[in-house]
N, C-alpha and C. Protein backbone atom coordinates (compact mmCIF):
# COMPACT_ATOMS: atom_id res chain seq x y z
N MET A 1 -89.87 -72.40 -191.66
CA MET A 1 -88.87 -73.00 -191.03
C MET A 1 -88.54 -72.89 -189.37
N LYS A 2 -88.82 -73.73 -188.34
CA LYS A 2 -88.81 -73.68 -187.00
C LYS A 2 -87.20 -72.75 -186.78
N ASP A 3 -87.49 -72.41 -185.98
CA ASP A 3 -86.62 -71.17 -184.93
C ASP A 3 -85.80 -71.99 -184.19
N LEU A 4 -84.53 -72.10 -184.61
CA LEU A 4 -83.47 -72.94 -184.06
C LEU A 4 -82.89 -73.20 -182.33
N ASN A 5 -83.99 -71.90 -181.77
CA ASN A 5 -83.79 -71.34 -180.49
C ASN A 5 -85.00 -72.24 -179.61
N ALA A 6 -85.95 -72.79 -180.76
CA ALA A 6 -87.03 -73.06 -179.47
C ALA A 6 -86.54 -74.97 -179.84
N ASP A 7 -85.87 -75.48 -180.64
CA ASP A 7 -85.73 -76.60 -181.15
C ASP A 7 -84.88 -77.15 -180.00
N ALA A 8 -85.47 -78.39 -179.19
CA ALA A 8 -84.33 -79.18 -178.06
C ALA A 8 -83.29 -80.22 -178.88
N GLY A 9 -83.99 -80.59 -180.05
CA GLY A 9 -82.46 -81.63 -180.91
C GLY A 9 -81.74 -80.66 -181.12
N THR A 10 -81.43 -79.25 -181.15
CA THR A 10 -80.10 -78.12 -181.59
C THR A 10 -79.12 -78.52 -180.84
N LEU A 11 -77.79 -78.92 -181.83
CA LEU A 11 -76.67 -79.09 -181.20
C LEU A 11 -76.28 -77.80 -180.87
N GLU A 12 -75.60 -77.65 -179.59
CA GLU A 12 -74.36 -75.64 -180.28
C GLU A 12 -73.19 -76.15 -179.47
N TRP A 13 -72.05 -75.52 -180.13
CA TRP A 13 -71.23 -75.46 -180.08
C TRP A 13 -70.21 -74.03 -180.23
N LEU A 14 -69.72 -73.35 -179.81
CA LEU A 14 -68.57 -72.17 -180.16
C LEU A 14 -69.67 -71.26 -180.56
N GLY A 15 -71.36 -70.83 -180.01
CA GLY A 15 -71.97 -69.74 -181.08
C GLY A 15 -72.67 -70.37 -182.14
N PHE A 16 -72.39 -71.69 -182.41
CA PHE A 16 -72.99 -72.50 -183.90
C PHE A 16 -74.00 -72.97 -183.37
N LYS A 17 -75.19 -73.31 -184.27
CA LYS A 17 -76.45 -73.75 -183.70
C LYS A 17 -76.48 -75.09 -184.97
N TYR A 18 -76.87 -76.54 -184.69
CA TYR A 18 -76.50 -77.44 -185.67
C TYR A 18 -77.84 -78.05 -185.44
N LYS A 19 -78.87 -78.51 -186.04
CA LYS A 19 -80.26 -79.68 -186.07
C LYS A 19 -80.09 -80.57 -187.73
N THR A 20 -80.00 -81.81 -187.12
CA THR A 20 -79.51 -82.91 -188.31
C THR A 20 -81.60 -82.98 -188.77
N ILE A 21 -81.93 -82.53 -189.79
CA ILE A 21 -83.23 -82.54 -190.45
C ILE A 21 -83.40 -83.66 -191.17
N LEU A 22 -82.42 -84.38 -191.85
CA LEU A 22 -82.83 -85.71 -192.57
C LEU A 22 -81.29 -86.72 -192.07
N THR A 23 -81.64 -87.36 -191.58
CA THR A 23 -80.53 -88.11 -191.12
C THR A 23 -80.26 -89.33 -192.55
N PRO A 24 -78.91 -89.60 -192.41
CA PRO A 24 -77.90 -91.12 -192.93
C PRO A 24 -78.97 -92.27 -193.11
N GLU A 25 -79.73 -92.20 -191.81
CA GLU A 25 -80.34 -93.58 -191.77
C GLU A 25 -81.69 -93.29 -192.29
N GLN A 26 -82.19 -92.25 -192.70
CA GLN A 26 -83.46 -92.32 -193.40
C GLN A 26 -82.60 -91.85 -195.25
N THR A 27 -81.50 -92.44 -195.18
CA THR A 27 -81.38 -91.99 -196.84
C THR A 27 -80.54 -93.13 -197.15
N GLY A 28 -80.45 -94.17 -196.05
CA GLY A 28 -79.36 -95.23 -196.90
C GLY A 28 -77.97 -94.78 -196.63
N GLY A 29 -77.67 -93.68 -196.08
CA GLY A 29 -76.13 -93.47 -195.71
C GLY A 29 -76.30 -92.39 -197.22
N SER A 30 -76.88 -92.31 -197.99
CA SER A 30 -76.58 -91.36 -199.36
C SER A 30 -76.25 -89.58 -199.18
N MET A 31 -77.20 -89.41 -198.21
CA MET A 31 -76.95 -87.75 -197.07
C MET A 31 -77.55 -87.76 -196.72
N SER A 32 -77.09 -86.52 -196.14
CA SER A 32 -77.44 -85.66 -194.50
C SER A 32 -77.63 -84.39 -194.93
N ILE A 33 -79.19 -83.71 -194.33
CA ILE A 33 -79.32 -82.25 -194.00
C ILE A 33 -79.19 -81.82 -192.68
N VAL A 34 -78.42 -80.60 -192.35
CA VAL A 34 -78.00 -79.90 -191.26
C VAL A 34 -78.75 -78.64 -191.48
N ASP A 35 -79.50 -78.18 -190.32
CA ASP A 35 -80.06 -76.85 -190.38
C ASP A 35 -78.77 -76.00 -189.70
N SER A 36 -78.18 -75.32 -190.35
CA SER A 36 -77.12 -74.48 -189.27
C SER A 36 -77.32 -73.09 -189.23
N TRP A 37 -77.26 -72.62 -187.94
CA TRP A 37 -77.10 -71.25 -187.78
C TRP A 37 -75.40 -70.65 -187.32
N CYS A 38 -74.95 -69.78 -188.32
CA CYS A 38 -73.40 -69.34 -187.78
C CYS A 38 -73.87 -67.83 -187.02
N PRO A 39 -73.09 -67.74 -186.17
CA PRO A 39 -73.21 -66.23 -185.57
C PRO A 39 -72.15 -65.45 -186.75
N ALA A 40 -73.04 -64.01 -186.62
CA ALA A 40 -72.55 -62.81 -187.19
C ALA A 40 -70.78 -62.90 -186.86
N GLY A 41 -70.34 -62.57 -188.07
CA GLY A 41 -68.59 -62.05 -187.95
C GLY A 41 -68.44 -63.46 -187.93
N SER A 42 -68.55 -64.96 -187.47
CA SER A 42 -67.60 -66.02 -187.55
C SER A 42 -67.86 -66.98 -188.46
N GLY A 43 -66.99 -68.17 -188.64
CA GLY A 43 -66.70 -69.56 -189.63
C GLY A 43 -65.74 -70.38 -189.48
N PRO A 44 -65.88 -71.70 -189.77
CA PRO A 44 -65.04 -72.48 -189.26
C PRO A 44 -63.39 -71.69 -190.25
N PRO A 45 -62.26 -72.92 -190.03
CA PRO A 45 -61.08 -72.27 -189.99
C PRO A 45 -61.40 -73.52 -191.67
N ARG A 46 -60.32 -72.69 -192.30
CA ARG A 46 -59.85 -73.10 -193.60
C ARG A 46 -59.99 -75.07 -193.51
N HIS A 47 -60.79 -75.85 -194.30
CA HIS A 47 -60.52 -77.25 -194.36
C HIS A 47 -61.12 -78.08 -195.83
N ILE A 48 -60.97 -79.17 -195.48
CA ILE A 48 -60.89 -80.30 -196.67
C ILE A 48 -61.97 -81.67 -195.97
N HIS A 49 -63.39 -81.53 -196.18
CA HIS A 49 -63.95 -82.87 -196.37
C HIS A 49 -63.13 -83.84 -197.02
N GLU A 50 -62.61 -85.07 -197.08
CA GLU A 50 -62.36 -85.73 -197.51
C GLU A 50 -63.51 -87.00 -198.17
N ASN A 51 -64.60 -86.74 -197.59
CA ASN A 51 -65.18 -88.04 -197.92
C ASN A 51 -66.94 -87.30 -199.18
N GLU A 52 -66.94 -86.07 -198.39
CA GLU A 52 -68.24 -85.21 -198.98
C GLU A 52 -68.22 -84.17 -199.71
N ASP A 53 -68.97 -84.28 -200.60
CA ASP A 53 -69.78 -82.78 -201.12
C ASP A 53 -70.62 -82.26 -200.04
N GLU A 54 -70.77 -81.34 -200.15
CA GLU A 54 -71.44 -80.60 -199.05
C GLU A 54 -71.58 -79.48 -200.55
N THR A 55 -73.06 -78.78 -200.20
CA THR A 55 -73.51 -77.53 -200.52
C THR A 55 -74.50 -77.31 -199.61
N PHE A 56 -74.05 -75.60 -199.88
CA PHE A 56 -74.91 -74.64 -198.95
C PHE A 56 -76.13 -74.09 -199.56
N VAL A 57 -76.74 -74.01 -198.83
CA VAL A 57 -78.85 -73.39 -199.31
C VAL A 57 -78.46 -72.19 -197.91
N LEU A 58 -78.46 -70.80 -198.53
CA LEU A 58 -78.52 -69.74 -198.03
C LEU A 58 -79.85 -69.43 -197.88
N ILE A 59 -80.26 -69.06 -196.54
CA ILE A 59 -81.80 -69.18 -195.74
C ILE A 59 -81.60 -67.49 -195.70
N SER A 60 -81.03 -67.52 -194.76
CA SER A 60 -80.91 -65.65 -193.88
C SER A 60 -79.61 -65.01 -194.00
N GLY A 61 -78.96 -64.01 -193.85
CA GLY A 61 -77.47 -63.57 -193.92
C GLY A 61 -76.49 -64.32 -195.11
N SER A 62 -76.23 -62.89 -195.39
CA SER A 62 -74.43 -63.40 -196.69
C SER A 62 -73.72 -63.77 -195.45
N CYS A 63 -72.72 -64.90 -196.67
CA CYS A 63 -71.53 -65.55 -196.14
C CYS A 63 -70.41 -65.20 -197.48
N LYS A 64 -69.37 -65.00 -196.70
CA LYS A 64 -68.30 -65.07 -197.88
C LYS A 64 -67.72 -66.45 -197.69
N PHE A 65 -67.38 -67.07 -198.70
CA PHE A 65 -66.79 -68.35 -199.03
C PHE A 65 -65.39 -67.95 -199.46
N TRP A 66 -64.73 -69.01 -199.35
CA TRP A 66 -63.18 -69.28 -200.38
C TRP A 66 -62.87 -70.52 -200.49
N LEU A 67 -62.85 -70.81 -201.49
CA LEU A 67 -63.13 -71.98 -202.40
C LEU A 67 -61.68 -71.89 -203.31
N GLU A 68 -60.80 -72.98 -203.01
CA GLU A 68 -59.60 -73.25 -203.58
C GLU A 68 -58.90 -71.54 -203.99
N GLY A 69 -58.99 -71.09 -203.14
CA GLY A 69 -58.04 -69.49 -203.30
C GLY A 69 -59.10 -68.47 -204.25
N ARG A 70 -60.83 -68.71 -204.31
CA ARG A 70 -61.41 -67.70 -205.00
C ARG A 70 -62.39 -67.25 -203.70
N GLU A 71 -62.00 -65.98 -203.45
CA GLU A 71 -63.56 -65.43 -202.86
C GLU A 71 -64.62 -65.12 -203.28
N PHE A 72 -66.15 -65.06 -202.33
CA PHE A 72 -66.94 -64.81 -203.46
C PHE A 72 -67.96 -64.79 -202.22
N VAL A 73 -69.42 -64.11 -202.46
CA VAL A 73 -70.08 -63.97 -201.22
C VAL A 73 -71.49 -64.41 -201.80
N ALA A 74 -72.37 -65.09 -201.15
CA ALA A 74 -73.25 -65.98 -201.33
C ALA A 74 -74.40 -65.16 -200.49
N GLN A 75 -75.63 -65.03 -201.05
CA GLN A 75 -76.63 -64.31 -200.53
C GLN A 75 -78.04 -65.35 -200.15
N PRO A 76 -78.96 -65.14 -199.24
CA PRO A 76 -80.14 -65.75 -199.10
C PRO A 76 -81.15 -66.08 -200.24
N ASN A 77 -81.10 -67.22 -200.83
CA ASN A 77 -81.80 -67.95 -202.06
C ASN A 77 -81.06 -68.38 -202.78
N GLU A 78 -79.63 -68.30 -202.48
CA GLU A 78 -78.49 -68.74 -203.29
C GLU A 78 -78.06 -69.88 -202.70
N SER A 79 -77.09 -70.50 -203.54
CA SER A 79 -76.61 -72.05 -203.09
C SER A 79 -75.22 -72.39 -203.81
N VAL A 80 -74.05 -72.82 -202.84
CA VAL A 80 -73.31 -73.24 -203.04
C VAL A 80 -72.62 -74.45 -203.11
N PHE A 81 -71.77 -74.83 -203.81
CA PHE A 81 -71.77 -76.70 -203.43
C PHE A 81 -69.83 -76.61 -203.79
N ILE A 82 -69.33 -77.01 -203.17
CA ILE A 82 -67.86 -78.02 -202.49
C ILE A 82 -68.23 -79.41 -202.56
N PRO A 83 -67.37 -79.46 -204.06
CA PRO A 83 -66.85 -80.69 -204.36
C PRO A 83 -66.03 -81.05 -202.74
N ARG A 84 -66.14 -82.61 -202.50
CA ARG A 84 -65.38 -83.44 -201.61
C ARG A 84 -63.36 -83.04 -202.25
N GLY A 85 -62.84 -82.91 -201.23
CA GLY A 85 -61.53 -82.42 -201.28
C GLY A 85 -61.00 -81.46 -201.71
N SER A 86 -61.91 -80.05 -201.73
CA SER A 86 -61.74 -79.07 -201.96
C SER A 86 -61.65 -78.20 -201.02
N ASN A 87 -60.39 -77.47 -200.70
CA ASN A 87 -60.06 -76.77 -199.97
C ASN A 87 -61.09 -75.85 -199.60
N HIS A 88 -61.58 -75.40 -198.43
CA HIS A 88 -62.91 -74.07 -198.34
C HIS A 88 -63.15 -73.85 -197.23
N THR A 89 -63.73 -72.25 -196.80
CA THR A 89 -64.16 -71.90 -195.90
C THR A 89 -65.52 -71.06 -196.10
N PHE A 90 -65.90 -70.18 -194.76
CA PHE A 90 -67.02 -69.63 -195.29
C PHE A 90 -66.79 -68.55 -194.23
N LYS A 91 -67.85 -67.44 -194.13
CA LYS A 91 -67.82 -66.46 -192.69
C LYS A 91 -69.16 -65.73 -192.99
N ALA A 92 -69.94 -65.36 -191.82
CA ALA A 92 -71.16 -65.01 -191.72
C ALA A 92 -70.78 -63.59 -191.74
N LEU A 93 -71.21 -62.52 -192.75
CA LEU A 93 -70.85 -61.55 -192.98
C LEU A 93 -71.87 -60.13 -192.75
N ASP A 94 -73.15 -60.52 -191.96
CA ASP A 94 -74.02 -59.28 -191.91
C ASP A 94 -74.04 -59.31 -190.16
N GLU A 95 -74.66 -58.48 -189.93
CA GLU A 95 -74.65 -58.08 -188.59
C GLU A 95 -75.65 -59.29 -187.66
N GLU A 96 -76.51 -59.93 -188.40
CA GLU A 96 -77.21 -60.74 -187.94
C GLU A 96 -76.24 -61.99 -188.24
N PRO A 97 -76.91 -63.46 -187.81
CA PRO A 97 -76.29 -65.04 -187.91
C PRO A 97 -76.59 -65.36 -189.49
N SER A 98 -75.84 -66.09 -190.10
CA SER A 98 -76.39 -66.56 -191.33
C SER A 98 -77.00 -68.00 -191.36
N ARG A 99 -78.42 -68.08 -191.46
CA ARG A 99 -78.64 -69.75 -191.76
C ARG A 99 -78.44 -70.34 -193.10
N HIS A 100 -78.19 -71.09 -192.90
CA HIS A 100 -78.54 -72.06 -194.19
C HIS A 100 -78.56 -73.80 -193.68
N LEU A 101 -79.00 -74.42 -194.75
CA LEU A 101 -78.82 -75.74 -195.00
C LEU A 101 -77.47 -76.24 -195.73
N VAL A 102 -77.27 -76.91 -194.96
CA VAL A 102 -75.59 -78.10 -195.22
C VAL A 102 -76.33 -79.38 -195.67
N ILE A 103 -75.50 -79.70 -196.95
CA ILE A 103 -76.36 -80.72 -197.79
C ILE A 103 -75.07 -81.51 -197.45
N LEU A 104 -74.52 -82.82 -197.44
CA LEU A 104 -73.94 -83.68 -197.19
C LEU A 104 -74.22 -85.04 -197.84
N ALA A 105 -73.38 -85.06 -199.21
CA ALA A 105 -73.57 -86.26 -199.51
C ALA A 105 -72.11 -87.09 -200.19
N PRO A 106 -72.00 -88.39 -199.54
CA PRO A 106 -72.63 -88.89 -198.29
C PRO A 106 -73.16 -88.20 -197.09
N GLY A 107 -73.73 -89.14 -196.31
CA GLY A 107 -74.14 -88.75 -195.19
C GLY A 107 -72.92 -89.25 -193.91
N GLY A 108 -73.13 -88.65 -192.80
CA GLY A 108 -72.60 -89.30 -191.81
C GLY A 108 -71.32 -88.22 -191.24
N PHE A 109 -70.69 -86.71 -191.90
CA PHE A 109 -70.13 -85.67 -191.42
C PHE A 109 -70.66 -85.07 -189.91
N GLU A 110 -72.07 -85.31 -190.02
CA GLU A 110 -72.73 -84.42 -189.03
C GLU A 110 -72.72 -85.19 -187.55
N GLY A 111 -71.90 -86.13 -187.47
CA GLY A 111 -71.42 -86.67 -186.49
C GLY A 111 -70.55 -85.84 -185.49
N PHE A 112 -69.58 -85.03 -186.64
CA PHE A 112 -68.55 -84.01 -186.02
C PHE A 112 -69.06 -83.24 -185.49
N PHE A 113 -70.18 -82.46 -185.66
CA PHE A 113 -71.35 -81.42 -184.96
C PHE A 113 -71.55 -81.83 -183.50
N ALA A 114 -72.17 -83.23 -183.74
CA ALA A 114 -72.57 -84.26 -182.11
C ALA A 114 -71.27 -84.33 -181.18
N ASP A 115 -70.13 -84.31 -182.30
CA ASP A 115 -69.22 -84.59 -181.09
C ASP A 115 -68.30 -83.28 -180.39
N MET A 116 -68.41 -82.48 -181.45
CA MET A 116 -67.89 -80.95 -180.71
C MET A 116 -69.56 -80.35 -179.74
N ALA A 117 -70.33 -80.64 -180.04
CA ALA A 117 -71.45 -80.11 -178.76
C ALA A 117 -71.47 -80.94 -177.74
N ALA A 118 -71.12 -81.96 -177.42
CA ALA A 118 -70.85 -82.87 -176.42
C ALA A 118 -69.24 -82.56 -175.48
N GLY A 119 -68.70 -82.42 -176.45
CA GLY A 119 -67.04 -81.96 -175.62
C GLY A 119 -67.30 -80.45 -175.21
N GLN A 120 -67.59 -79.38 -175.79
CA GLN A 120 -67.91 -78.52 -175.86
C GLN A 120 -66.89 -77.86 -175.50
N PHE A 121 -65.25 -78.09 -176.55
CA PHE A 121 -64.27 -77.97 -176.84
C PHE A 121 -63.86 -76.67 -177.48
N GLY A 122 -62.57 -76.22 -176.50
CA GLY A 122 -62.22 -74.82 -176.81
C GLY A 122 -61.50 -74.82 -177.90
N ILE A 123 -61.02 -73.47 -178.62
CA ILE A 123 -59.81 -73.39 -179.19
C ILE A 123 -58.99 -72.03 -179.00
N PRO A 124 -57.96 -72.42 -178.70
CA PRO A 124 -56.98 -73.24 -179.37
C PRO A 124 -56.87 -74.46 -178.54
N GLU A 125 -57.42 -74.66 -176.91
CA GLU A 125 -56.73 -75.28 -175.90
C GLU A 125 -56.87 -76.58 -176.20
N ASP A 126 -58.12 -77.27 -176.69
CA ASP A 126 -58.48 -78.67 -176.96
C ASP A 126 -58.52 -78.92 -178.54
N MET A 127 -57.64 -78.25 -178.98
CA MET A 127 -57.37 -78.81 -180.05
C MET A 127 -56.92 -80.32 -180.41
N PRO A 128 -56.04 -80.92 -179.66
CA PRO A 128 -56.10 -82.97 -180.11
C PRO A 128 -57.20 -82.87 -180.61
N ALA A 129 -58.55 -82.66 -179.39
CA ALA A 129 -59.67 -83.82 -179.32
C ALA A 129 -60.56 -83.03 -180.52
N ILE A 130 -60.28 -82.00 -181.09
CA ILE A 130 -60.88 -81.26 -182.12
C ILE A 130 -60.56 -82.43 -183.53
N GLU A 131 -59.05 -82.10 -183.65
CA GLU A 131 -58.39 -83.01 -184.92
C GLU A 131 -58.73 -84.23 -184.21
N GLU A 132 -58.82 -85.47 -183.15
CA GLU A 132 -58.90 -86.95 -182.93
C GLU A 132 -60.64 -86.71 -184.00
N SER A 133 -61.98 -85.89 -183.54
CA SER A 133 -62.94 -86.30 -184.56
C SER A 133 -63.02 -85.40 -185.70
N ALA A 134 -62.23 -84.85 -185.56
CA ALA A 134 -61.62 -84.32 -187.67
C ALA A 134 -61.34 -85.84 -188.28
N THR A 135 -60.11 -86.04 -188.17
CA THR A 135 -59.58 -87.16 -188.25
C THR A 135 -60.75 -88.41 -188.44
N ARG A 136 -61.59 -88.83 -187.26
CA ARG A 136 -62.42 -90.19 -187.32
C ARG A 136 -63.88 -89.53 -188.56
N HIS A 137 -63.68 -88.09 -189.01
CA HIS A 137 -65.14 -88.02 -189.88
C HIS A 137 -64.47 -87.77 -191.32
N HIS A 138 -63.19 -87.64 -191.26
CA HIS A 138 -62.31 -87.36 -192.76
C HIS A 138 -62.41 -85.54 -192.86
N LEU A 139 -61.93 -84.92 -191.89
CA LEU A 139 -61.79 -83.71 -192.21
C LEU A 139 -60.75 -83.28 -191.64
N ARG A 140 -59.83 -82.42 -192.65
CA ARG A 140 -58.62 -82.00 -192.37
C ARG A 140 -58.58 -80.37 -192.34
N PHE A 141 -58.47 -79.95 -191.46
CA PHE A 141 -58.00 -78.17 -191.34
C PHE A 141 -56.19 -77.88 -192.33
N THR A 142 -56.67 -77.10 -193.02
CA THR A 142 -55.66 -76.72 -193.43
C THR A 142 -55.30 -75.01 -193.48
N GLY A 143 -55.76 -74.21 -192.76
CA GLY A 143 -55.44 -72.83 -192.24
C GLY A 143 -56.55 -72.35 -191.74
N PRO A 144 -56.38 -71.12 -191.59
CA PRO A 144 -56.85 -69.80 -190.50
C PRO A 144 -58.50 -69.73 -190.70
N PRO A 145 -59.11 -69.07 -190.32
CA PRO A 145 -60.65 -68.84 -190.73
C PRO A 145 -60.45 -67.44 -191.60
N LEU A 146 -61.83 -67.08 -192.45
CA LEU A 146 -60.89 -65.88 -193.06
C LEU A 146 -61.22 -64.62 -192.10
N ASP A 147 -60.36 -63.55 -192.33
CA ASP A 147 -60.54 -62.70 -191.26
C ASP A 147 -61.39 -61.57 -191.34
């Protein structure tokens, strides 16, 4: 797989890198796949995707997941399925970044990543703009990131 640092189509926001490698337009809207790079020690706030099932396929680096109150660690070559409507988050555990494919079904949520990269929004100062995009992409924040 190509290095995301060398790819001109890669989006960056708060140290995360995203590259959509299969678009909803290519699948009739049924899914999308995002190549994602998460900095060591970081992860998103707890959240719910109302419309999409989300599957993580870990390529490198381990991640701790929190899914509906249950914590577990996923290693490279493992997958994690998160059904739509499930409260969840994750955090890269190793000293190096975690790289994973994020499969979204149906596709469309990757537009949130594009909004964040375009606006380069900061947290907490730009939360109104982040929340506006989240609402448009059927995402609800429900709690803090993992410690």
